Amino acid sequence: MDVKKQYRNMIEALEKEPRAVKLAAAAYQRAGMEPRYESIRGGTDGSRLSEMGLPTPNLSTGMHNYHSPLEFACLEEMESAVKVLVELVQLWGKEK
């Protein structure tokens, strides 16, 4: 059996830097939305960035049915994602 390194679970990095999730949740609320917490599975950019020292929780992008023939993006949800990101940048800018 060959064991190959793939990616780490991002929860390890997020537990070391809890502001990442706290500020993401606050950004959702400031954008007029309630944050949802769900477990995900898959090799994400966030997993790799978190492993490299940049805690990166997954945020919605407006995508659905990833990697399937039915994959699509919802324009309204993508616009909402941008609103959340603007709020998130503002919140991180206020951090010391």
PDB file of N, CA and C in Angstrom:
ATOM      1  N   MET A   1       0.844  -1.157   0.000  1.00  0.00           N
ATOM      2  CA  MET A   1       0.000   0.000   0.000  1.00  0.00           C
ATOM      3  C   MET A   1       0.897   1.230   0.000  1.00  0.00           C
ATOM      4  N   ASP A   2       0.609   2.167  -0.886  1.00  0.00           N
ATOM      5  CA  ASP A   2       1.305   3.442  -0.924  1.00  0.00           C
ATOM      6  C   ASP A   2       0.445   4.489  -0.224  1.00  0.00           C
ATOM      7  N   VAL A   3       1.044   5.195   0.705  1.00  0.00           N
ATOM      8  CA  VAL A   3       0.346   6.272   1.390  1.00  0.00           C
ATOM      9  C   VAL A   3       0.891   7.581   0.849  1.00  0.00           C
ATOM     10  N   LYS A   4      -0.018   8.408   0.356  1.00  0.00           N
ATOM     11  CA  LYS A   4       0.379   9.694  -0.202  1.00  0.00           C
ATOM     12  C   LYS A   4      -0.271  10.812   0.601  1.00  0.00           C
ATOM     13  N   LYS A   5       0.528  11.841   0.874  1.00  0.00           N
ATOM     14  CA  LYS A   5      -0.005  12.996   1.572  1.00  0.00           C
ATOM     15  C   LYS A   5      -0.946  13.736   0.631  1.00  0.00           C
ATOM     16  N   GLN A   6      -2.135  14.071   1.147  1.00  0.00           N
ATOM     17  CA  GLN A   6      -3.074  14.836   0.335  1.00  0.00           C
ATOM     18  C   GLN A   6      -3.261  16.212   0.954  1.00  0.00           C
ATOM     19  N   TYR A   7      -4.156  16.347   1.862  1.00  0.00           N
ATOM     20  CA  TYR A   7      -4.404  17.637   2.501  1.00  0.00           C
ATOM     21  C   TYR A   7      -4.899  17.382   3.906  1.00  0.00           C
ATOM     22  N   ARG A   8      -4.682  18.364   4.749  1.00  0.00           N
ATOM     23  CA  ARG A   8      -5.087  18.246   6.143  1.00  0.00           C
ATOM     24  C   ARG A   8      -6.477  18.822   6.319  1.00  0.00           C
ATOM     25  N   ASN A   9      -7.084  18.435   7.408  1.00  0.00           N
ATOM     26  CA  ASN A   9      -8.390  18.975   7.758  1.00  0.00           C
ATOM     27  C   ASN A   9      -8.187  20.399   8.256  1.00  0.00           C
ATOM     28  N   MET A  10      -8.907  21.344   7.681  1.00  0.00           N
ATOM     29  CA  MET A  10      -8.693  22.746   8.033  1.00  0.00           C
ATOM     30  C   MET A  10      -9.113  23.076   9.457  1.00  0.00           C
ATOM     31  N   ILE A  11      -9.866  22.207  10.119  1.00  0.00           N
ATOM     32  CA  ILE A  11     -10.307  22.500  11.483  1.00  0.00           C
ATOM     33  C   ILE A  11      -9.115  22.711  12.417  1.00  0.00           C
ATOM     34  N   GLU A  12      -8.017  22.013  12.145  1.00  0.00           N
ATOM     35  CA  GLU A  12      -6.828  22.167  12.994  1.00  0.00           C
ATOM     36  C   GLU A  12      -6.338  23.614  12.974  1.00  0.00           C
ATOM     37  N   ALA A  13      -6.285  24.216  11.808  1.00  0.00           N
ATOM     38  CA  ALA A  13      -5.836  25.608  11.700  1.00  0.00           C
ATOM     39  C   ALA A  13      -6.883  26.563  12.255  1.00  0.00           C
ATOM     40  N   LEU A  14      -8.152  26.260  12.029  1.00  0.00           N
ATOM     41  CA  LEU A  14      -9.216  27.150  12.498  1.00  0.00           C
ATOM     42  C   LEU A  14      -9.325  27.151  14.012  1.00  0.00           C
ATOM     43  N   GLU A  15      -8.990  26.032  14.638  1.00  0.00           N
ATOM     44  CA  GLU A  15      -9.001  25.994  16.107  1.00  0.00           C
ATOM     45  C   GLU A  15      -7.859  26.825  16.679  1.00  0.00           C
ATOM     46  N   LYS A  16      -6.740  26.909  15.958  1.00  0.00           N
ATOM     47  CA  LYS A  16      -5.605  27.717  16.417  1.00  0.00           C
ATOM     48  C   LYS A  16      -5.877  29.212  16.233  1.00  0.00           C
ATOM     49  N   GLU A  17      -6.715  29.565  15.268  1.00  0.00           N
ATOM     50  CA  GLU A  17      -7.026  30.969  14.989  1.00  0.00           C
ATOM     51  C   GLU A  17      -8.541  31.112  14.866  1.00  0.00           C
ATOM     52  N   PRO A  18      -9.250  31.102  16.007  1.00  0.00           N
ATOM     53  CA  PRO A  18     -10.713  31.120  15.980  1.00  0.00           C
ATOM     54  C   PRO A  18     -11.319  32.407  15.415  1.00  0.00           C
ATOM     55  N   ARG A  19     -10.515  33.472  15.302  1.00  0.00           N
ATOM     56  CA  ARG A  19     -11.059  34.702  14.720  1.00  0.00           C
ATOM     57  C   ARG A  19     -11.522  34.485  13.280  1.00  0.00           C
ATOM     58  N   ALA A  20     -10.917  33.557  12.567  1.00  0.00           N
ATOM     59  CA  ALA A  20     -11.279  33.338  11.164  1.00  0.00           C
ATOM     60  C   ALA A  20     -12.760  32.998  11.028  1.00  0.00           C
ATOM     61  N   VAL A  21     -13.242  32.094  11.852  1.00  0.00           N
ATOM     62  CA  VAL A  21     -14.657  31.699  11.798  1.00  0.00           C
ATOM     63  C   VAL A  21     -15.530  32.764  12.454  1.00  0.00           C
ATOM     64  N   LYS A  22     -15.058  33.324  13.571  1.00  0.00           N
ATOM     65  CA  LYS A  22     -15.835  34.358  14.267  1.00  0.00           C
ATOM     66  C   LYS A  22     -16.087  35.558  13.358  1.00  0.00           C
ATOM     67  N   LEU A  23     -15.066  36.023  12.681  1.00  0.00           N
ATOM     68  CA  LEU A  23     -15.225  37.183  11.812  1.00  0.00           C
ATOM     69  C   LEU A  23     -16.023  36.842  10.556  1.00  0.00           C
ATOM     70  N   ALA A  24     -15.884  35.626  10.050  1.00  0.00           N
ATOM     71  CA  ALA A  24     -16.697  35.222   8.901  1.00  0.00           C
ATOM     72  C   ALA A  24     -18.174  35.221   9.279  1.00  0.00           C
ATOM     73  N   ALA A  25     -18.496  34.706  10.466  1.00  0.00           N
ATOM     74  CA  ALA A  25     -19.890  34.697  10.921  1.00  0.00           C
ATOM     75  C   ALA A  25     -20.414  36.119  11.082  1.00  0.00           C
ATOM     76  N   ALA A  26     -19.586  36.992  11.646  1.00  0.00           N
ATOM     77  CA  ALA A  26     -19.995  38.393  11.821  1.00  0.00           C
ATOM     78  C   ALA A  26     -20.201  39.068  10.462  1.00  0.00           C
ATOM     79  N   ALA A  27     -19.373  38.721   9.483  1.00  0.00           N
ATOM     80  CA  ALA A  27     -19.518  39.301   8.147  1.00  0.00           C
ATOM     81  C   ALA A  27     -20.841  38.887   7.513  1.00  0.00           C
ATOM     82  N   TYR A  28     -21.214  37.626   7.676  1.00  0.00           N
ATOM     83  CA  TYR A  28     -22.519  37.170   7.175  1.00  0.00           C
ATOM     84  C   TYR A  28     -23.644  37.976   7.821  1.00  0.00           C
ATOM     85  N   GLN A  29     -23.568  38.153   9.124  1.00  0.00           N
ATOM     86  CA  GLN A  29     -24.620  38.880   9.830  1.00  0.00           C
ATOM     87  C   GLN A  29     -24.674  40.342   9.388  1.00  0.00           C
ATOM     88  N   ARG A  30     -23.520  40.957   9.204  1.00  0.00           N
ATOM     89  CA  ARG A  30     -23.494  42.354   8.756  1.00  0.00           C
ATOM     90  C   ARG A  30     -24.030  42.493   7.335  1.00  0.00           C
ATOM     91  N   ALA A  31     -23.935  41.416   6.548  1.00  0.00           N
ATOM     92  CA  ALA A  31     -24.465  41.420   5.181  1.00  0.00           C
ATOM     93  C   ALA A  31     -25.941  41.035   5.154  1.00  0.00           C
ATOM     94  N   GLY A  32     -26.535  40.843   6.349  1.00  0.00           N
ATOM     95  CA  GLY A  32     -27.966  40.534   6.440  1.00  0.00           C
ATOM     96  C   GLY A  32     -28.305  39.071   6.284  1.00  0.00           C
ATOM     97  N   MET A  33     -27.336  38.198   6.524  1.00  0.00           N
ATOM     98  CA  MET A  33     -27.568  36.754   6.387  1.00  0.00           C
ATOM     99  C   MET A  33     -27.153  36.040   7.665  1.00  0.00           C
ATOM    100  N   GLU A  34     -27.739  34.892   7.889  1.00  0.00           N
ATOM    101  CA  GLU A  34     -27.349  34.061   9.023  1.00  0.00           C
ATOM    102  C   GLU A  34     -26.308  33.047   8.560  1.00  0.00           C
ATOM    103  N   PRO A  35     -25.192  32.943   9.276  1.00  0.00           N
ATOM    104  CA  PRO A  35     -24.185  31.943   8.894  1.00  0.00           C
ATOM    105  C   PRO A  35     -24.707  30.536   9.168  1.00  0.00           C
ATOM    106  N   ARG A  36     -24.312  29.613   8.326  1.00  0.00           N
ATOM    107  CA  ARG A  36     -24.629  28.188   8.516  1.00  0.00           C
ATOM    108  C   ARG A  36     -23.326  27.444   8.687  1.00  0.00           C
ATOM    109  N   TYR A  37     -23.319  26.515   9.606  1.00  0.00           N
ATOM    110  CA  TYR A  37     -22.129  25.725   9.877  1.00  0.00           C
ATOM    111  C   TYR A  37     -22.398  24.306   9.415  1.00  0.00           C
ATOM    112  N   GLU A  38     -21.633  23.853   8.444  1.00  0.00           N
ATOM    113  CA  GLU A  38     -21.807  22.508   7.913  1.00  0.00           C
ATOM    114  C   GLU A  38     -20.445  21.862   7.719  1.00  0.00           C
ATOM    115  N   SER A  39     -20.393  20.568   7.918  1.00  0.00           N
ATOM    116  CA  SER A  39     -19.174  19.836   7.603  1.00  0.00           C
ATOM    117  C   SER A  39     -19.111  19.634   6.098  1.00  0.00           C
ATOM    118  N   ILE A  40     -17.915  19.763   5.578  1.00  0.00           N
ATOM    119  CA  ILE A  40     -17.732  19.505   4.150  1.00  0.00           C
ATOM    120  C   ILE A  40     -16.631  18.473   3.997  1.00  0.00           C
ATOM    121  N   ARG A  41     -16.571  17.889   2.861  1.00  0.00           N
ATOM    122  CA  ARG A  41     -15.524  16.918   2.579  1.00  0.00           C
ATOM    123  C   ARG A  41     -14.963  17.255   1.213  1.00  0.00           C
ATOM    124  N   GLY A  42     -13.697  17.242   1.109  1.00  0.00           N
ATOM    125  CA  GLY A  42     -13.078  17.471  -0.185  1.00  0.00           C
ATOM    126  C   GLY A  42     -11.790  18.248  -0.047  1.00  0.00           C
ATOM    127  N   GLY A  43     -10.944  18.110  -1.029  1.00  0.00           N
ATOM    128  CA  GLY A  43      -9.686  18.842  -1.053  1.00  0.00           C
ATOM    129  C   GLY A  43      -9.944  20.240  -1.564  1.00  0.00           C
ATOM    130  N   THR A  44      -9.884  21.199  -0.694  1.00  0.00           N
ATOM    131  CA  THR A  44     -10.207  22.559  -1.087  1.00  0.00           C
ATOM    132  C   THR A  44      -8.964  23.429  -1.027  1.00  0.00           C
ATOM    133  N   ASP A  45      -9.023  24.555  -1.696  1.00  0.00           N
ATOM    134  CA  ASP A  45      -7.946  25.530  -1.586  1.00  0.00           C
ATOM    135  C   ASP A  45      -7.788  25.960  -0.136  1.00  0.00           C
ATOM    136  N   GLY A  46      -8.939  26.081   0.558  1.00  0.00           N
ATOM    137  CA  GLY A  46      -8.906  26.473   1.961  1.00  0.00           C
ATOM    138  C   GLY A  46      -8.134  25.500   2.826  1.00  0.00           C
ATOM    139  N   SER A  47      -8.221  24.220   2.518  1.00  0.00           N
ATOM    140  CA  SER A  47      -7.461  23.218   3.271  1.00  0.00           C
ATOM    141  C   SER A  47      -5.968  23.459   3.119  1.00  0.00           C
ATOM    142  N   ARG A  48      -5.546  23.701   1.910  1.00  0.00           N
ATOM    143  CA  ARG A  48      -4.119  23.916   1.637  1.00  0.00           C
ATOM    144  C   ARG A  48      -3.642  25.236   2.246  1.00  0.00           C
ATOM    145  N   LEU A  49      -4.430  26.302   2.060  1.00  0.00           N
ATOM    146  CA  LEU A  49      -4.045  27.584   2.641  1.00  0.00           C
ATOM    147  C   LEU A  49      -3.972  27.500   4.162  1.00  0.00           C
ATOM    148  N   SER A  50      -4.928  26.804   4.771  1.00  0.00           N
ATOM    149  CA  SER A  50      -4.926  26.646   6.226  1.00  0.00           C
ATOM    150  C   SER A  50      -3.688  25.881   6.674  1.00  0.00           C
ATOM    151  N   GLU A  51      -3.331  24.837   5.941  1.00  0.00           N
ATOM    152  CA  GLU A  51      -2.145  24.045   6.264  1.00  0.00           C
ATOM    153  C   GLU A  51      -0.878  24.903   6.176  1.00  0.00           C
ATOM    154  N   MET A  52      -0.887  25.881   5.282  1.00  0.00           N
ATOM    155  CA  MET A  52       0.273  26.750   5.087  1.00  0.00           C
ATOM    156  C   MET A  52       0.306  27.918   6.065  1.00  0.00           C
ATOM    157  N   GLY A  53      -0.701  28.017   6.956  1.00  0.00           N
ATOM    158  CA  GLY A  53      -0.677  29.035   7.998  1.00  0.00           C
ATOM    159  C   GLY A  53      -1.687  30.158   7.839  1.00  0.00           C
ATOM    160  N   LEU A  54      -2.536  30.093   6.809  1.00  0.00           N
ATOM    161  CA  LEU A  54      -3.567  31.112   6.621  1.00  0.00           C
ATOM    162  C   LEU A  54      -4.928  30.459   6.870  1.00  0.00           C
ATOM    163  N   PRO A  55      -5.466  30.552   8.104  1.00  0.00           N
ATOM    164  CA  PRO A  55      -6.748  29.904   8.412  1.00  0.00           C
ATOM    165  C   PRO A  55      -7.833  30.381   7.456  1.00  0.00           C
ATOM    166  N   THR A  56      -8.421  29.451   6.735  1.00  0.00           N
ATOM    167  CA  THR A  56      -9.328  29.801   5.644  1.00  0.00           C
ATOM    168  C   THR A  56     -10.595  28.955   5.692  1.00  0.00           C
ATOM    169  N   PRO A  57     -11.630  29.438   6.388  1.00  0.00           N
ATOM    170  CA  PRO A  57     -12.887  28.682   6.375  1.00  0.00           C
ATOM    171  C   PRO A  57     -13.539  28.777   4.994  1.00  0.00           C
ATOM    172  N   ASN A  58     -14.318  27.792   4.641  1.00  0.00           N
ATOM    173  CA  ASN A  58     -15.041  27.830   3.371  1.00  0.00           C
ATOM    174  C   ASN A  58     -16.236  28.763   3.494  1.00  0.00           C
ATOM    175  N   LEU A  59     -16.375  29.644   2.532  1.00  0.00           N
ATOM    176  CA  LEU A  59     -17.506  30.553   2.455  1.00  0.00           C
ATOM    177  C   LEU A  59     -18.260  30.232   1.175  1.00  0.00           C
ATOM    178  N   SER A  60     -19.513  30.538   1.141  1.00  0.00           N
ATOM    179  CA  SER A  60     -20.325  30.256  -0.040  1.00  0.00           C
ATOM    180  C   SER A  60     -19.847  31.064  -1.233  1.00  0.00           C
ATOM    181  N   THR A  61     -19.938  30.467  -2.405  1.00  0.00           N
ATOM    182  CA  THR A  61     -19.592  31.168  -3.640  1.00  0.00           C
ATOM    183  C   THR A  61     -20.773  31.233  -4.595  1.00  0.00           C
ATOM    184  N   GLY A  62     -21.888  30.617  -4.210  1.00  0.00           N
ATOM    185  CA  GLY A  62     -23.040  30.564  -5.103  1.00  0.00           C
ATOM    186  C   GLY A  62     -23.046  29.338  -5.998  1.00  0.00           C
ATOM    187  N   MET A  63     -22.113  28.446  -5.761  1.00  0.00           N
ATOM    188  CA  MET A  63     -22.013  27.223  -6.576  1.00  0.00           C
ATOM    189  C   MET A  63     -22.871  26.109  -5.972  1.00  0.00           C
ATOM    190  N   HIS A  64     -23.368  25.242  -6.855  1.00  0.00           N
ATOM    191  CA  HIS A  64     -24.183  24.100  -6.443  1.00  0.00           C
ATOM    192  C   HIS A  64     -23.789  22.869  -7.260  1.00  0.00           C
ATOM    193  N   ASN A  65     -23.976  21.698  -6.679  1.00  0.00           N
ATOM    194  CA  ASN A  65     -23.723  20.416  -7.346  1.00  0.00           C
ATOM    195  C   ASN A  65     -22.304  20.339  -7.915  1.00  0.00           C
ATOM    196  N   TYR A  66     -21.330  20.682  -7.072  1.00  0.00           N
ATOM    197  CA  TYR A  66     -19.939  20.711  -7.492  1.00  0.00           C
ATOM    198  C   TYR A  66     -19.512  19.448  -8.226  1.00  0.00           C
ATOM    199  N   HIS A  67     -18.726  19.623  -9.244  1.00  0.00           N
ATOM    200  CA  HIS A  67     -18.083  18.532  -9.985  1.00  0.00           C
ATOM    201  C   HIS A  67     -19.075  17.500 -10.510  1.00  0.00           C
ATOM    202  N   SER A  68     -20.243  17.947 -10.888  1.00  0.00           N
ATOM    203  CA  SER A  68     -21.224  17.034 -11.467  1.00  0.00           C
ATOM    204  C   SER A  68     -21.731  17.646 -12.775  1.00  0.00           C
ATOM    205  N   PRO A  69     -22.426  16.858 -13.574  1.00  0.00           N
ATOM    206  CA  PRO A  69     -22.996  17.411 -14.804  1.00  0.00           C
ATOM    207  C   PRO A  69     -24.044  18.492 -14.531  1.00  0.00           C
ATOM    208  N   LEU A  70     -24.532  18.559 -13.291  1.00  0.00           N
ATOM    209  CA  LEU A  70     -25.556  19.535 -12.928  1.00  0.00           C
ATOM    210  C   LEU A  70     -24.982  20.737 -12.180  1.00  0.00           C
ATOM    211  N   GLU A  71     -23.666  20.913 -12.219  1.00  0.00           N
ATOM    212  CA  GLU A  71     -23.044  22.040 -11.532  1.00  0.00           C
ATOM    213  C   GLU A  71     -23.519  23.354 -12.136  1.00  0.00           C
ATOM    214  N   PHE A  72     -23.801  24.321 -11.260  1.00  0.00           N
ATOM    215  CA  PHE A  72     -24.194  25.645 -11.736  1.00  0.00           C
ATOM    216  C   PHE A  72     -23.872  26.688 -10.683  1.00  0.00           C
ATOM    217  N   ALA A  73     -23.851  27.942 -11.099  1.00  0.00           N
ATOM    218  CA  ALA A  73     -23.640  29.068 -10.195  1.00  0.00           C
ATOM    219  C   ALA A  73     -24.871  29.950 -10.237  1.00  0.00           C
ATOM    220  N   CYS A  74     -25.253  30.449  -9.085  1.00  0.00           N
ATOM    221  CA  CYS A  74     -26.408  31.334  -8.955  1.00  0.00           C
ATOM    222  C   CYS A  74     -25.898  32.771  -8.818  1.00  0.00           C
ATOM    223  N   LEU A  75     -26.252  33.615  -9.773  1.00  0.00           N
ATOM    224  CA  LEU A  75     -25.762  34.990  -9.788  1.00  0.00           C
ATOM    225  C   LEU A  75     -26.109  35.731  -8.501  1.00  0.00           C
ATOM    226  N   GLU A  76     -27.337  35.600  -8.024  1.00  0.00           N
ATOM    227  CA  GLU A  76     -27.739  36.293  -6.797  1.00  0.00           C
ATOM    228  C   GLU A  76     -26.915  35.835  -5.597  1.00  0.00           C
ATOM    229  N   GLU A  77     -26.606  34.551  -5.532  1.00  0.00           N
ATOM    230  CA  GLU A  77     -25.794  34.044  -4.425  1.00  0.00           C
ATOM    231  C   GLU A  77     -24.342  34.498  -4.562  1.00  0.00           C
ATOM    232  N   MET A  78     -23.863  34.623  -5.782  1.00  0.00           N
ATOM    233  CA  MET A  78     -22.512  35.148  -5.991  1.00  0.00           C
ATOM    234  C   MET A  78     -22.442  36.614  -5.552  1.00  0.00           C
ATOM    235  N   GLU A  79     -23.476  37.380  -5.834  1.00  0.00           N
ATOM    236  CA  GLU A  79     -23.530  38.772  -5.382  1.00  0.00           C
ATOM    237  C   GLU A  79     -23.551  38.846  -3.858  1.00  0.00           C
ATOM    238  N   SER A  80     -24.295  37.947  -3.226  1.00  0.00           N
ATOM    239  CA  SER A  80     -24.328  37.899  -1.758  1.00  0.00           C
ATOM    240  C   SER A  80     -22.955  37.542  -1.206  1.00  0.00           C
ATOM    241  N   ALA A  81     -22.253  36.636  -1.876  1.00  0.00           N
ATOM    242  CA  ALA A  81     -20.910  36.246  -1.435  1.00  0.00           C
ATOM    243  C   ALA A  81     -19.967  37.446  -1.469  1.00  0.00           C
ATOM    244  N   VAL A  82     -20.090  38.278  -2.487  1.00  0.00           N
ATOM    245  CA  VAL A  82     -19.255  39.476  -2.578  1.00  0.00           C
ATOM    246  C   VAL A  82     -19.557  40.415  -1.410  1.00  0.00           C
ATOM    247  N   LYS A  83     -20.827  40.573  -1.068  1.00  0.00           N
ATOM    248  CA  LYS A  83     -21.196  41.420   0.074  1.00  0.00           C
ATOM    249  C   LYS A  83     -20.552  40.913   1.356  1.00  0.00           C
ATOM    250  N   VAL A  84     -20.570  39.595   1.537  1.00  0.00           N
ATOM    251  CA  VAL A  84     -19.952  38.999   2.726  1.00  0.00           C
ATOM    252  C   VAL A  84     -18.450  39.268   2.721  1.00  0.00           C
ATOM    253  N   LEU A  85     -17.812  39.112   1.582  1.00  0.00           N
ATOM    254  CA  LEU A  85     -16.363  39.338   1.509  1.00  0.00           C
ATOM    255  C   LEU A  85     -15.996  40.787   1.811  1.00  0.00           C
ATOM    256  N   VAL A  86     -16.785  41.732   1.332  1.00  0.00           N
ATOM    257  CA  VAL A  86     -16.523  43.146   1.637  1.00  0.00           C
ATOM    258  C   VAL A  86     -16.619  43.376   3.140  1.00  0.00           C
ATOM    259  N   GLU A  87     -17.645  42.816   3.758  1.00  0.00           N
ATOM    260  CA  GLU A  87     -17.790  42.950   5.215  1.00  0.00           C
ATOM    261  C   GLU A  87     -16.623  42.285   5.939  1.00  0.00           C
ATOM    262  N   LEU A  88     -16.206  41.123   5.457  1.00  0.00           N
ATOM    263  CA  LEU A  88     -15.119  40.383   6.089  1.00  0.00           C
ATOM    264  C   LEU A  88     -13.808  41.169   6.023  1.00  0.00           C
ATOM    265  N   VAL A  89     -13.524  41.755   4.891  1.00  0.00           N
ATOM    266  CA  VAL A  89     -12.310  42.559   4.751  1.00  0.00           C
ATOM    267  C   VAL A  89     -12.345  43.745   5.716  1.00  0.00           C
ATOM    268  N   GLN A  90     -13.499  44.367   5.837  1.00  0.00           N
ATOM    269  CA  GLN A  90     -13.622  45.504   6.760  1.00  0.00           C
ATOM    270  C   GLN A  90     -13.401  45.057   8.202  1.00  0.00           C
ATOM    271  N   LEU A  91     -13.949  43.907   8.573  1.00  0.00           N
ATOM    272  CA  LEU A  91     -13.769  43.406   9.940  1.00  0.00           C
ATOM    273  C   LEU A  91     -12.308  43.067  10.219  1.00  0.00           C
ATOM    274  N   TRP A  92     -11.632  42.390   9.286  1.00  0.00           N
ATOM    275  CA  TRP A  92     -10.226  42.062   9.488  1.00  0.00           C
ATOM    276  C   TRP A  92      -9.390  43.330   9.552  1.00  0.00           C
ATOM    277  N   GLY A  93      -9.790  44.352   8.795  1.00  0.00           N
ATOM    278  CA  GLY A  93      -9.058  45.615   8.823  1.00  0.00           C
ATOM    279  C   GLY A  93      -9.104  46.298  10.179  1.00  0.00           C
ATOM    280  N   LYS A  94     -10.140  46.009  10.962  1.00  0.00           N
ATOM    281  CA  LYS A  94     -10.270  46.606  12.302  1.00  0.00           C
ATOM    282  C   LYS A  94      -9.518  45.808  13.371  1.00  0.00           C
ATOM    283  N   GLU A  95      -9.111  44.582  13.030  1.00  0.00           N
ATOM    284  CA  GLU A  95      -8.383  43.749  13.993  1.00  0.00           C
ATOM    285  C   GLU A  95      -6.967  44.281  14.183  1.00  0.00           C
ATOM    286  N   LYS A  96      -6.430  44.034  15.343  1.00  0.00           N
ATOM    287  CA  LYS A  96      -5.044  44.468  15.620  1.00  0.00           C
ATOM    288  C   LYS A  96      -4.074  43.429  15.148  1.00  0.00           C
TER     289      LYS A  96
END
